[in-house]
Amino acid sequence: MEEWFNTYSEKLKALGHPIRLKLVIGLMGKECNVTKICKGLEIPQATTSQHLAILKNKGIIVGKRTGTSICYSLCDDGVKEMIKELMHKTGAKSPCDES
Protein backbone atom coordinates (compact mmCIF):
# COMPACT_ATOMS: atom_id res chain seq x y z
CA MET A 1 0.00 0.00 0.00
CA GLU A 2 2.86 2.37 0.78
CA GLU A 3 4.14 1.96 -2.78
CA TRP A 4 0.74 3.05 -4.14
CA PHE A 5 0.84 6.23 -2.01
CA ASN A 6 4.36 7.02 -3.19
CA THR A 7 3.49 6.38 -6.85
CA TYR A 8 0.35 8.50 -6.86
CA SER A 9 1.99 11.23 -4.81
CA GLU A 10 4.58 11.56 -7.58
CA LYS A 11 1.91 11.51 -10.29
CA LEU A 12 -0.08 14.21 -8.51
CA LYS A 13 3.07 16.33 -8.21
CA ALA A 14 3.57 15.98 -11.96
CA LEU A 15 -0.02 17.12 -12.55
CA GLY A 16 0.47 20.07 -10.21
CA HIS A 17 1.82 22.36 -12.93
CA PRO A 18 -0.75 24.22 -15.08
CA ILE A 19 1.01 23.38 -18.35
CA ARG A 20 1.21 19.67 -17.54
CA LEU A 21 -2.43 19.63 -16.48
CA LYS A 22 -3.35 21.29 -19.80
CA LEU A 23 -1.29 18.71 -21.67
CA VAL A 24 -2.99 15.79 -19.93
CA ILE A 25 -6.46 17.23 -20.48
CA GLY A 26 -5.58 17.95 -24.11
CA LEU A 27 -4.57 14.30 -24.60
CA MET A 28 -7.75 12.86 -23.12
CA GLY A 29 -9.26 10.47 -25.62
CA LYS A 30 -6.77 11.12 -28.41
CA GLU A 31 -3.19 10.83 -29.58
CA CYS A 32 -1.35 13.97 -30.56
CA ASN A 33 2.12 14.88 -31.79
CA VAL A 34 4.22 17.70 -30.33
CA THR A 35 3.50 20.08 -33.22
CA LYS A 36 -0.27 19.78 -32.77
CA ILE A 37 0.03 20.08 -28.99
CA CYS A 38 2.14 23.26 -29.29
CA LYS A 39 -0.30 24.80 -31.75
CA GLY A 40 -3.42 23.80 -29.81
CA LEU A 41 -2.17 25.00 -26.44
CA GLU A 42 0.00 27.86 -27.75
CA ILE A 43 3.06 26.61 -25.86
CA PRO A 44 6.61 26.76 -27.31
CA GLN A 45 7.98 23.41 -28.49
CA ALA A 46 10.92 23.36 -26.04
CA THR A 47 8.57 23.96 -23.10
CA THR A 48 6.13 21.35 -24.37
CA SER A 49 8.87 18.75 -24.75
CA GLN A 50 10.16 19.36 -21.22
CA HIS A 51 6.72 18.92 -19.70
CA LEU A 52 5.91 15.86 -21.84
CA ALA A 53 9.16 14.26 -20.62
CA ILE A 54 8.09 14.73 -16.98
CA LEU A 55 4.67 13.21 -17.64
CA LYS A 56 6.23 10.31 -19.53
CA ASN A 57 8.76 9.72 -16.75
CA LYS A 58 5.91 9.44 -14.21
CA GLY A 59 4.04 6.91 -16.38
CA ILE A 60 1.12 9.22 -17.13
CA ILE A 61 1.64 9.36 -20.91
CA VAL A 62 3.39 7.26 -23.54
CA GLY A 63 4.94 8.23 -26.84
CA LYS A 64 4.62 6.14 -29.99
CA ARG A 65 6.84 6.87 -32.98
CA THR A 66 4.94 7.29 -36.24
CA GLY A 67 7.28 8.14 -39.08
CA THR A 68 9.39 11.11 -38.07
CA SER A 69 7.22 12.28 -35.17
CA ILE A 70 6.09 10.91 -31.82
CA CYS A 71 2.40 10.76 -30.94
CA TYR A 72 1.60 11.03 -27.25
CA SER A 73 -1.40 9.60 -25.42
CA LEU A 74 -2.57 9.04 -21.86
CA CYS A 75 -1.75 5.59 -20.54
CA ASP A 76 -2.80 5.80 -16.88
CA ASP A 77 -6.50 5.03 -16.56
CA GLY A 78 -6.52 6.11 -12.91
CA VAL A 79 -5.25 9.58 -13.81
CA LYS A 80 -7.66 9.75 -16.75
CA GLU A 81 -10.67 8.96 -14.55
CA MET A 82 -9.53 11.36 -11.83
CA ILE A 83 -9.20 14.22 -14.35
CA LYS A 84 -12.58 13.41 -15.94
CA GLU A 85 -14.24 13.48 -12.52
CA LEU A 86 -12.51 16.72 -11.56
CA MET A 87 -13.57 18.37 -14.81
CA HIS A 88 -17.13 17.12 -14.39
CA LYS A 89 -17.41 18.33 -10.79
CA THR A 90 -15.96 21.76 -11.57
CA GLY A 91 -17.51 22.27 -15.01
CA ALA A 92 -14.04 22.78 -16.51
CA LYS A 93 -13.55 22.52 -20.27
CA SER A 94 -10.54 21.24 -22.16
CA PRO A 95 -8.09 24.04 -22.99
CA CYS A 96 -7.93 22.52 -26.49
CA ASP A 97 -11.64 23.26 -26.97
CA GLU A 98 -11.27 26.99 -26.24
CA SER A 99 -11.21 29.28 -29.24
PDB file of N, CA and C in Angstrom:
ATOM      1  N   MET A   1       0.820  -1.201   0.000  1.00  0.00           N
ATOM      2  CA  MET A   1       0.000   0.000   0.000  1.00  0.00           C
ATOM      3  C   MET A   1       0.865   1.266   0.000  1.00  0.00           C
ATOM      4  N   GLU A   2       1.968   1.210   0.715  1.00  0.00           N
ATOM      5  CA  GLU A   2       2.863   2.370   0.783  1.00  0.00           C
ATOM      6  C   GLU A   2       3.383   2.737  -0.612  1.00  0.00           C
ATOM      7  N   GLU A   3       3.656   1.716  -1.420  1.00  0.00           N
ATOM      8  CA  GLU A   3       4.137   1.957  -2.782  1.00  0.00           C
ATOM      9  C   GLU A   3       3.091   2.712  -3.604  1.00  0.00           C
ATOM     10  N   TRP A   4       1.823   2.372  -3.426  1.00  0.00           N
ATOM     11  CA  TRP A   4       0.742   3.053  -4.138  1.00  0.00           C
ATOM     12  C   TRP A   4       0.725   4.537  -3.774  1.00  0.00           C
ATOM     13  N   PHE A   5       0.834   4.830  -2.456  1.00  0.00           N
ATOM     14  CA  PHE A   5       0.842   6.227  -2.011  1.00  0.00           C
ATOM     15  C   PHE A   5       2.019   6.988  -2.618  1.00  0.00           C
ATOM     16  N   ASN A   6       3.175   6.366  -2.626  1.00  0.00           N
ATOM     17  CA  ASN A   6       4.357   7.016  -3.194  1.00  0.00           C
ATOM     18  C   ASN A   6       4.194   7.260  -4.690  1.00  0.00           C
ATOM     19  N   THR A   7       3.688   6.259  -5.399  1.00  0.00           N
ATOM     20  CA  THR A   7       3.495   6.377  -6.846  1.00  0.00           C
ATOM     21  C   THR A   7       2.517   7.493  -7.174  1.00  0.00           C
ATOM     22  N   TYR A   8       1.350   7.486  -6.529  1.00  0.00           N
ATOM     23  CA  TYR A   8       0.348   8.502  -6.861  1.00  0.00           C
ATOM     24  C   TYR A   8       0.709   9.882  -6.332  1.00  0.00           C
ATOM     25  N   SER A   9       1.483   9.943  -5.277  1.00  0.00           N
ATOM     26  CA  SER A   9       1.986  11.232  -4.811  1.00  0.00           C
ATOM     27  C   SER A   9       2.867  11.863  -5.891  1.00  0.00           C
ATOM     28  N   GLU A  10       3.718  11.066  -6.501  1.00  0.00           N
ATOM     29  CA  GLU A  10       4.583  11.557  -7.577  1.00  0.00           C
ATOM     30  C   GLU A  10       3.769  11.958  -8.809  1.00  0.00           C
ATOM     31  N   LYS A  11       2.753  11.173  -9.143  1.00  0.00           N
ATOM     32  CA  LYS A  11       1.908  11.507 -10.294  1.00  0.00           C
ATOM     33  C   LYS A  11       1.145  12.807 -10.043  1.00  0.00           C
ATOM     34  N   LEU A  12       0.643  12.975  -8.829  1.00  0.00           N
ATOM     35  CA  LEU A  12      -0.079  14.207  -8.507  1.00  0.00           C
ATOM     36  C   LEU A  12       0.846  15.417  -8.542  1.00  0.00           C
ATOM     37  N   LYS A  13       2.091  15.237  -8.110  1.00  0.00           N
ATOM     38  CA  LYS A  13       3.066  16.332  -8.212  1.00  0.00           C
ATOM     39  C   LYS A  13       3.275  16.718  -9.672  1.00  0.00           C
ATOM     40  N   ALA A  14       3.378  15.706 -10.532  1.00  0.00           N
ATOM     41  CA  ALA A  14       3.571  15.979 -11.964  1.00  0.00           C
ATOM     42  C   ALA A  14       2.382  16.733 -12.541  1.00  0.00           C
ATOM     43  N   LEU A  15       1.187  16.441 -12.063  1.00  0.00           N
ATOM     44  CA  LEU A  15      -0.018  17.117 -12.551  1.00  0.00           C
ATOM     45  C   LEU A  15      -0.209  18.494 -11.920  1.00  0.00           C
ATOM     46  N   GLY A  16       0.620  18.833 -10.949  1.00  0.00           N
ATOM     47  CA  GLY A  16       0.474  20.072 -10.206  1.00  0.00           C
ATOM     48  C   GLY A  16       0.942  21.326 -10.930  1.00  0.00           C
ATOM     49  N   HIS A  17       1.395  21.201 -12.150  1.00  0.00           N
ATOM     50  CA  HIS A  17       1.818  22.363 -12.934  1.00  0.00           C
ATOM     51  C   HIS A  17       0.746  22.649 -13.982  1.00  0.00           C
ATOM     52  N   PRO A  18       0.332  23.906 -14.132  1.00  0.00           N
ATOM     53  CA  PRO A  18      -0.748  24.223 -15.079  1.00  0.00           C
ATOM     54  C   PRO A  18      -0.499  23.729 -16.507  1.00  0.00           C
ATOM     55  N   ILE A  19       0.731  23.833 -16.984  1.00  0.00           N
ATOM     56  CA  ILE A  19       1.012  23.381 -18.354  1.00  0.00           C
ATOM     57  C   ILE A  19       0.837  21.873 -18.460  1.00  0.00           C
ATOM     58  N   ARG A  20       1.338  21.132 -17.479  1.00  0.00           N
ATOM     59  CA  ARG A  20       1.206  19.671 -17.540  1.00  0.00           C
ATOM     60  C   ARG A  20      -0.245  19.246 -17.406  1.00  0.00           C
ATOM     61  N   LEU A  21      -1.002  19.940 -16.595  1.00  0.00           N
ATOM     62  CA  LEU A  21      -2.429  19.632 -16.475  1.00  0.00           C
ATOM     63  C   LEU A  21      -3.129  19.895 -17.810  1.00  0.00           C
ATOM     64  N   LYS A  22      -2.789  20.999 -18.469  1.00  0.00           N
ATOM     65  CA  LYS A  22      -3.352  21.291 -19.796  1.00  0.00           C
ATOM     66  C   LYS A  22      -2.980  20.205 -20.797  1.00  0.00           C
ATOM     67  N   LEU A  23      -1.730  19.755 -20.752  1.00  0.00           N
ATOM     68  CA  LEU A  23      -1.285  18.706 -21.670  1.00  0.00           C
ATOM     69  C   LEU A  23      -2.083  17.423 -21.473  1.00  0.00           C
ATOM     70  N   VAL A  24      -2.252  17.025 -20.221  1.00  0.00           N
ATOM     71  CA  VAL A  24      -2.992  15.791 -19.929  1.00  0.00           C
ATOM     72  C   VAL A  24      -4.440  15.918 -20.384  1.00  0.00           C
ATOM     73  N   ILE A  25      -5.063  17.027 -20.071  1.00  0.00           N
ATOM     74  CA  ILE A  25      -6.459  17.227 -20.480  1.00  0.00           C
ATOM     75  C   ILE A  25      -6.554  17.264 -22.006  1.00  0.00           C
ATOM     76  N   GLY A  26      -5.585  17.896 -22.649  1.00  0.00           N
ATOM     77  CA  GLY A  26      -5.575  17.946 -24.108  1.00  0.00           C
ATOM     78  C   GLY A  26      -5.404  16.588 -24.763  1.00  0.00           C
ATOM     79  N   LEU A  27      -4.784  15.648 -24.056  1.00  0.00           N
ATOM     80  CA  LEU A  27      -4.567  14.304 -24.599  1.00  0.00           C
ATOM     81  C   LEU A  27      -5.688  13.324 -24.252  1.00  0.00           C
ATOM     82  N   MET A  28      -6.671  13.776 -23.519  1.00  0.00           N
ATOM     83  CA  MET A  28      -7.745  12.863 -23.124  1.00  0.00           C
ATOM     84  C   MET A  28      -8.502  12.379 -24.354  1.00  0.00           C
ATOM     85  N   GLY A  29      -8.490  11.074 -24.547  1.00  0.00           N
ATOM     86  CA  GLY A  29      -9.257  10.467 -25.625  1.00  0.00           C
ATOM     87  C   GLY A  29      -8.637  10.552 -27.006  1.00  0.00           C
ATOM     88  N   LYS A  30      -7.382  11.036 -27.085  1.00  0.00           N
ATOM     89  CA  LYS A  30      -6.768  11.125 -28.415  1.00  0.00           C
ATOM     90  C   LYS A  30      -5.251  11.100 -28.325  1.00  0.00           C
ATOM     91  N   GLU A  31      -4.641  10.737 -29.437  1.00  0.00           N
ATOM     92  CA  GLU A  31      -3.190  10.827 -29.581  1.00  0.00           C
ATOM     93  C   GLU A  31      -2.874  12.142 -30.274  1.00  0.00           C
ATOM     94  N   CYS A  32      -1.717  12.689 -29.960  1.00  0.00           N
ATOM     95  CA  CYS A  32      -1.354  13.967 -30.563  1.00  0.00           C
ATOM     96  C   CYS A  32       0.167  14.079 -30.633  1.00  0.00           C
ATOM     97  N   ASN A  33       0.678  14.668 -31.716  1.00  0.00           N
ATOM     98  CA  ASN A  33       2.125  14.881 -31.786  1.00  0.00           C
ATOM     99  C   ASN A  33       2.475  16.255 -31.207  1.00  0.00           C
ATOM    100  N   VAL A  34       3.760  16.469 -30.994  1.00  0.00           N
ATOM    101  CA  VAL A  34       4.218  17.697 -30.333  1.00  0.00           C
ATOM    102  C   VAL A  34       3.791  18.949 -31.100  1.00  0.00           C
ATOM    103  N   THR A  35       3.870  18.908 -32.411  1.00  0.00           N
ATOM    104  CA  THR A  35       3.500  20.076 -33.218  1.00  0.00           C
ATOM    105  C   THR A  35       2.047  20.474 -32.979  1.00  0.00           C
ATOM    106  N   LYS A  36       1.149  19.491 -32.996  1.00  0.00           N
ATOM    107  CA  LYS A  36      -0.272  19.778 -32.766  1.00  0.00           C
ATOM    108  C   LYS A  36      -0.518  20.257 -31.339  1.00  0.00           C
ATOM    109  N   ILE A  37       0.187  19.658 -30.386  1.00  0.00           N
ATOM    110  CA  ILE A  37       0.032  20.076 -28.987  1.00  0.00           C
ATOM    111  C   ILE A  37       0.461  21.533 -28.835  1.00  0.00           C
ATOM    112  N   CYS A  38       1.628  21.876 -29.386  1.00  0.00           N
ATOM    113  CA  CYS A  38       2.140  23.255 -29.294  1.00  0.00           C
ATOM    114  C   CYS A  38       1.161  24.248 -29.899  1.00  0.00           C
ATOM    115  N   LYS A  39       0.640  23.905 -31.062  1.00  0.00           N
ATOM    116  CA  LYS A  39      -0.295  24.796 -31.750  1.00  0.00           C
ATOM    117  C   LYS A  39      -1.600  24.924 -30.968  1.00  0.00           C
ATOM    118  N   GLY A  40      -2.139  23.795 -30.514  1.00  0.00           N
ATOM    119  CA  GLY A  40      -3.420  23.803 -29.812  1.00  0.00           C
ATOM    120  C   GLY A  40      -3.381  24.526 -28.481  1.00  0.00           C
ATOM    121  N   LEU A  41      -2.273  24.382 -27.762  1.00  0.00           N
ATOM    122  CA  LEU A  41      -2.174  25.000 -26.437  1.00  0.00           C
ATOM    123  C   LEU A  41      -1.351  26.284 -26.438  1.00  0.00           C
ATOM    124  N   GLU A  42      -0.813  26.650 -27.607  1.00  0.00           N
ATOM    125  CA  GLU A  42       0.002  27.860 -27.745  1.00  0.00           C
ATOM    126  C   GLU A  42       1.157  27.878 -26.749  1.00  0.00           C
ATOM    127  N   ILE A  43       1.900  26.773 -26.739  1.00  0.00           N
ATOM    128  CA  ILE A  43       3.058  26.615 -25.864  1.00  0.00           C
ATOM    129  C   ILE A  43       4.269  26.362 -26.762  1.00  0.00           C
ATOM    130  N   PRO A  44       5.419  27.008 -26.496  1.00  0.00           N
ATOM    131  CA  PRO A  44       6.611  26.761 -27.311  1.00  0.00           C
ATOM    132  C   PRO A  44       7.023  25.281 -27.285  1.00  0.00           C
ATOM    133  N   GLN A  45       7.632  24.819 -28.374  1.00  0.00           N
ATOM    134  CA  GLN A  45       7.985  23.407 -28.487  1.00  0.00           C
ATOM    135  C   GLN A  45       8.951  22.948 -27.397  1.00  0.00           C
ATOM    136  N   ALA A  46       9.949  23.752 -27.075  1.00  0.00           N
ATOM    137  CA  ALA A  46      10.916  23.357 -26.045  1.00  0.00           C
ATOM    138  C   ALA A  46      10.221  23.154 -24.699  1.00  0.00           C
ATOM    139  N   THR A  47       9.328  24.066 -24.357  1.00  0.00           N
ATOM    140  CA  THR A  47       8.571  23.963 -23.103  1.00  0.00           C
ATOM    141  C   THR A  47       7.688  22.724 -23.118  1.00  0.00           C
ATOM    142  N   THR A  48       7.005  22.509 -24.232  1.00  0.00           N
ATOM    143  CA  THR A  48       6.125  21.349 -24.367  1.00  0.00           C
ATOM    144  C   THR A  48       6.910  20.061 -24.182  1.00  0.00           C
ATOM    145  N   SER A  49       8.049  19.956 -24.837  1.00  0.00           N
ATOM    146  CA  SER A  49       8.870  18.748 -24.753  1.00  0.00           C
ATOM    147  C   SER A  49       9.343  18.480 -23.331  1.00  0.00           C
ATOM    148  N   GLN A  50       9.726  19.526 -22.613  1.00  0.00           N
ATOM    149  CA  GLN A  50      10.163  19.361 -21.220  1.00  0.00           C
ATOM    150  C   GLN A  50       9.032  18.812 -20.359  1.00  0.00           C
ATOM    151  N   HIS A  51       7.850  19.358 -20.517  1.00  0.00           N
ATOM    152  CA  HIS A  51       6.718  18.925 -19.703  1.00  0.00           C
ATOM    153  C   HIS A  51       6.237  17.527 -20.103  1.00  0.00           C
ATOM    154  N   LEU A  52       6.272  17.213 -21.396  1.00  0.00           N
ATOM    155  CA  LEU A  52       5.913  15.863 -21.838  1.00  0.00           C
ATOM    156  C   LEU A  52       6.877  14.836 -21.251  1.00  0.00           C
ATOM    157  N   ALA A  53       8.159  15.175 -21.181  1.00  0.00           N
ATOM    158  CA  ALA A  53       9.160  14.261 -20.618  1.00  0.00           C
ATOM    159  C   ALA A  53       8.861  13.950 -19.152  1.00  0.00           C
ATOM    160  N   ILE A  54       8.442  14.944 -18.397  1.00  0.00           N
ATOM    161  CA  ILE A  54       8.095  14.730 -16.984  1.00  0.00           C
ATOM    162  C   ILE A  54       6.895  13.801 -16.873  1.00  0.00           C
ATOM    163  N   LEU A  55       5.866  14.055 -17.676  1.00  0.00           N
ATOM    164  CA  LEU A  55       4.665  13.212 -17.643  1.00  0.00           C
ATOM    165  C   LEU A  55       4.981  11.782 -18.076  1.00  0.00           C
ATOM    166  N   LYS A  56       5.841  11.647 -19.060  1.00  0.00           N
ATOM    167  CA  LYS A  56       6.232  10.313 -19.534  1.00  0.00           C
ATOM    168  C   LYS A  56       7.028   9.587 -18.455  1.00  0.00           C
ATOM    169  N   ASN A  57       7.935  10.296 -17.807  1.00  0.00           N
ATOM    170  CA  ASN A  57       8.758   9.719 -16.747  1.00  0.00           C
ATOM    171  C   ASN A  57       7.917   9.209 -15.580  1.00  0.00           C
ATOM    172  N   LYS A  58       6.794   9.844 -15.321  1.00  0.00           N
ATOM    173  CA  LYS A  58       5.914   9.442 -14.214  1.00  0.00           C
ATOM    174  C   LYS A  58       4.889   8.392 -14.640  1.00  0.00           C
ATOM    175  N   GLY A  59       4.939   7.964 -15.911  1.00  0.00           N
ATOM    176  CA  GLY A  59       4.040   6.912 -16.376  1.00  0.00           C
ATOM    177  C   GLY A  59       2.621   7.375 -16.652  1.00  0.00           C
ATOM    178  N   ILE A  60       2.451   8.670 -16.879  1.00  0.00           N
ATOM    179  CA  ILE A  60       1.118   9.219 -17.135  1.00  0.00           C
ATOM    180  C   ILE A  60       0.799   9.186 -18.626  1.00  0.00           C
ATOM    181  N   ILE A  61       1.819   9.406 -19.452  1.00  0.00           N
ATOM    182  CA  ILE A  61       1.642   9.365 -20.906  1.00  0.00           C
ATOM    183  C   ILE A  61       2.677   8.420 -21.515  1.00  0.00           C
ATOM    184  N   VAL A  62       2.418   8.029 -22.761  1.00  0.00           N
ATOM    185  CA  VAL A  62       3.391   7.263 -23.540  1.00  0.00           C
ATOM    186  C   VAL A  62       3.540   7.933 -24.897  1.00  0.00           C
ATOM    187  N   GLY A  63       4.690   7.723 -25.495  1.00  0.00           N
ATOM    188  CA  GLY A  63       4.935   8.231 -26.836  1.00  0.00           C
ATOM    189  C   GLY A  63       5.120   7.071 -27.796  1.00  0.00           C
ATOM    190  N   LYS A  64       4.513   7.182 -28.971  1.00  0.00           N
ATOM    191  CA  LYS A  64       4.619   6.142 -29.993  1.00  0.00           C
ATOM    192  C   LYS A  64       5.117   6.798 -31.275  1.00  0.00           C
ATOM    193  N   ARG A  65       6.255   6.296 -31.768  1.00  0.00           N
ATOM    194  CA  ARG A  65       6.840   6.871 -32.981  1.00  0.00           C
ATOM    195  C   ARG A  65       6.003   6.485 -34.194  1.00  0.00           C
ATOM    196  N   THR A  66       5.633   7.504 -34.972  1.00  0.00           N
ATOM    197  CA  THR A  66       4.938   7.288 -36.238  1.00  0.00           C
ATOM    198  C   THR A  66       5.668   8.111 -37.293  1.00  0.00           C
ATOM    199  N   GLY A  67       6.464   7.431 -38.093  1.00  0.00           N
ATOM    200  CA  GLY A  67       7.275   8.137 -39.079  1.00  0.00           C
ATOM    201  C   GLY A  67       8.355   8.947 -38.399  1.00  0.00           C
ATOM    202  N   THR A  68       8.357  10.243 -38.650  1.00  0.00           N
ATOM    203  CA  THR A  68       9.387  11.112 -38.067  1.00  0.00           C
ATOM    204  C   THR A  68       8.937  11.808 -36.790  1.00  0.00           C
ATOM    205  N   SER A  69       7.695  11.601 -36.385  1.00  0.00           N
ATOM    206  CA  SER A  69       7.221  12.277 -35.168  1.00  0.00           C
ATOM    207  C   SER A  69       6.784  11.255 -34.119  1.00  0.00           C
ATOM    208  N   ILE A  70       6.557  11.744 -32.929  1.00  0.00           N
ATOM    209  CA  ILE A  70       6.089  10.910 -31.824  1.00  0.00           C
ATOM    210  C   ILE A  70       4.701  11.383 -31.434  1.00  0.00           C
ATOM    211  N   CYS A  71       3.766  10.454 -31.386  1.00  0.00           N
ATOM    212  CA  CYS A  71       2.404  10.762 -30.944  1.00  0.00           C
ATOM    213  C   CYS A  71       2.275  10.365 -29.483  1.00  0.00           C
ATOM    214  N   TYR A  72       1.754  11.269 -28.683  1.00  0.00           N
ATOM    215  CA  TYR A  72       1.595  11.028 -27.255  1.00  0.00           C
ATOM    216  C   TYR A  72       0.140  10.733 -26.928  1.00  0.00           C
ATOM    217  N   SER A  73      -0.051   9.900 -25.903  1.00  0.00           N
ATOM    218  CA  SER A  73      -1.398   9.597 -25.423  1.00  0.00           C
ATOM    219  C   SER A  73      -1.333   9.278 -23.934  1.00  0.00           C
ATOM    220  N   LEU A  74      -2.472   9.404 -23.278  1.00  0.00           N
ATOM    221  CA  LEU A  74      -2.565   9.041 -21.863  1.00  0.00           C
ATOM    222  C   LEU A  74      -2.515   7.528 -21.740  1.00  0.00           C
ATOM    223  N   CYS A  75      -1.817   7.033 -20.734  1.00  0.00           N
ATOM    224  CA  CYS A  75      -1.748   5.587 -20.541  1.00  0.00           C
ATOM    225  C   CYS A  75      -2.172   5.171 -19.138  1.00  0.00           C
ATOM    226  N   ASP A  76      -2.415   6.118 -18.258  1.00  0.00           N
ATOM    227  CA  ASP A  76      -2.799   5.803 -16.883  1.00  0.00           C
ATOM    228  C   ASP A  76      -4.298   6.024 -16.720  1.00  0.00           C
ATOM    229  N   ASP A  77      -5.045   4.924 -16.678  1.00  0.00           N
ATOM    230  CA  ASP A  77      -6.504   5.030 -16.564  1.00  0.00           C
ATOM    231  C   ASP A  77      -6.947   5.689 -15.262  1.00  0.00           C
ATOM    232  N   GLY A  78      -6.185   5.486 -14.191  1.00  0.00           N
ATOM    233  CA  GLY A  78      -6.523   6.113 -12.914  1.00  0.00           C
ATOM    234  C   GLY A  78      -6.452   7.629 -12.999  1.00  0.00           C
ATOM    235  N   VAL A  79      -5.401   8.139 -13.616  1.00  0.00           N
ATOM    236  CA  VAL A  79      -5.249   9.583 -13.807  1.00  0.00           C
ATOM    237  C   VAL A  79      -6.352  10.096 -14.726  1.00  0.00           C
ATOM    238  N   LYS A  80      -6.618   9.356 -15.796  1.00  0.00           N
ATOM    239  CA  LYS A  80      -7.655   9.754 -16.754  1.00  0.00           C
ATOM    240  C   LYS A  80      -9.011   9.894 -16.059  1.00  0.00           C
ATOM    241  N   GLU A  81      -9.381   8.916 -15.250  1.00  0.00           N
ATOM    242  CA  GLU A  81     -10.671   8.960 -14.550  1.00  0.00           C
ATOM    243  C   GLU A  81     -10.713  10.084 -13.524  1.00  0.00           C
ATOM    244  N   MET A  82      -9.599  10.298 -12.829  1.00  0.00           N
ATOM    245  CA  MET A  82      -9.528  11.364 -11.833  1.00  0.00           C
ATOM    246  C   MET A  82      -9.726  12.733 -12.499  1.00  0.00           C
ATOM    247  N   ILE A  83      -9.075  12.953 -13.637  1.00  0.00           N
ATOM    248  CA  ILE A  83      -9.196  14.224 -14.351  1.00  0.00           C
ATOM    249  C   ILE A  83     -10.613  14.407 -14.880  1.00  0.00           C
ATOM    250  N   LYS A  84     -11.191  13.342 -15.444  1.00  0.00           N
ATOM    251  CA  LYS A  84     -12.577  13.415 -15.936  1.00  0.00           C
ATOM    252  C   LYS A  84     -13.526  13.816 -14.818  1.00  0.00           C
ATOM    253  N   GLU A  85     -13.375  13.185 -13.663  1.00  0.00           N
ATOM    254  CA  GLU A  85     -14.241  13.478 -12.518  1.00  0.00           C
ATOM    255  C   GLU A  85     -14.047  14.913 -12.043  1.00  0.00           C
ATOM    256  N   LEU A  86     -12.809  15.349 -11.976  1.00  0.00           N
ATOM    257  CA  LEU A  86     -12.508  16.720 -11.555  1.00  0.00           C
ATOM    258  C   LEU A  86     -13.119  17.733 -12.520  1.00  0.00           C
ATOM    259  N   MET A  87     -12.995  17.468 -13.814  1.00  0.00           N
ATOM    260  CA  MET A  87     -13.571  18.375 -14.814  1.00  0.00           C
ATOM    261  C   MET A  87     -15.095  18.383 -14.718  1.00  0.00           C
ATOM    262  N   HIS A  88     -15.676  17.215 -14.513  1.00  0.00           N
ATOM    263  CA  HIS A  88     -17.134  17.117 -14.394  1.00  0.00           C
ATOM    264  C   HIS A  88     -17.633  17.892 -13.172  1.00  0.00           C
ATOM    265  N   LYS A  89     -16.977  17.689 -12.042  1.00  0.00           N
ATOM    266  CA  LYS A  89     -17.407  18.334 -10.790  1.00  0.00           C
ATOM    267  C   LYS A  89     -17.244  19.850 -10.828  1.00  0.00           C
ATOM    268  N   THR A  90     -16.228  20.318 -11.559  1.00  0.00           N
ATOM    269  CA  THR A  90     -15.958  21.762 -11.575  1.00  0.00           C
ATOM    270  C   THR A  90     -16.520  22.464 -12.807  1.00  0.00           C
ATOM    271  N   GLY A  91     -16.993  21.682 -13.777  1.00  0.00           N
ATOM    272  CA  GLY A  91     -17.506  22.275 -15.010  1.00  0.00           C
ATOM    273  C   GLY A  91     -16.412  22.777 -15.934  1.00  0.00           C
ATOM    274  N   ALA A  92     -15.174  22.338 -15.689  1.00  0.00           N
ATOM    275  CA  ALA A  92     -14.044  22.784 -16.512  1.00  0.00           C
ATOM    276  C   ALA A  92     -14.139  22.206 -17.918  1.00  0.00           C
ATOM    277  N   LYS A  93     -13.615  22.943 -18.868  1.00  0.00           N
ATOM    278  CA  LYS A  93     -13.553  22.520 -20.268  1.00  0.00           C
ATOM    279  C   LYS A  93     -12.094  22.286 -20.647  1.00  0.00           C
ATOM    280  N   SER A  94     -11.890  21.485 -21.662  1.00  0.00           N
ATOM    281  CA  SER A  94     -10.539  21.239 -22.156  1.00  0.00           C
ATOM    282  C   SER A  94      -9.962  22.529 -22.731  1.00  0.00           C
ATOM    283  N   PRO A  95      -8.701  22.844 -22.413  1.00  0.00           N
ATOM    284  CA  PRO A  95      -8.092  24.043 -22.993  1.00  0.00           C
ATOM    285  C   PRO A  95      -7.969  23.929 -24.508  1.00  0.00           C
ATOM    286  N   CYS A  96      -8.007  22.717 -25.033  1.00  0.00           N
ATOM    287  CA  CYS A  96      -7.930  22.522 -26.489  1.00  0.00           C
ATOM    288  C   CYS A  96      -9.241  22.885 -27.165  1.00  0.00           C
ATOM    289  N   ASP A  97     -10.333  22.929 -26.408  1.00  0.00           N
ATOM    290  CA  ASP A  97     -11.641  23.262 -26.969  1.00  0.00           C
ATOM    291  C   ASP A  97     -11.900  24.761 -27.003  1.00  0.00           C
ATOM    292  N   GLU A  98     -11.066  25.536 -26.294  1.00  0.00           N
ATOM    293  CA  GLU A  98     -11.270  26.986 -26.238  1.00  0.00           C
ATOM    294  C   GLU A  98     -10.827  27.617 -27.541  1.00  0.00           C
ATOM    295  N   SER A  99     -11.582  28.584 -28.000  1.00  0.00           N
ATOM    296  CA  SER A  99     -11.210  29.283 -29.240  1.00  0.00           C
ATOM    297  C   SER A  99     -11.013  30.751 -28.967  1.00  0.00           C
TER     298      SER A  99
END
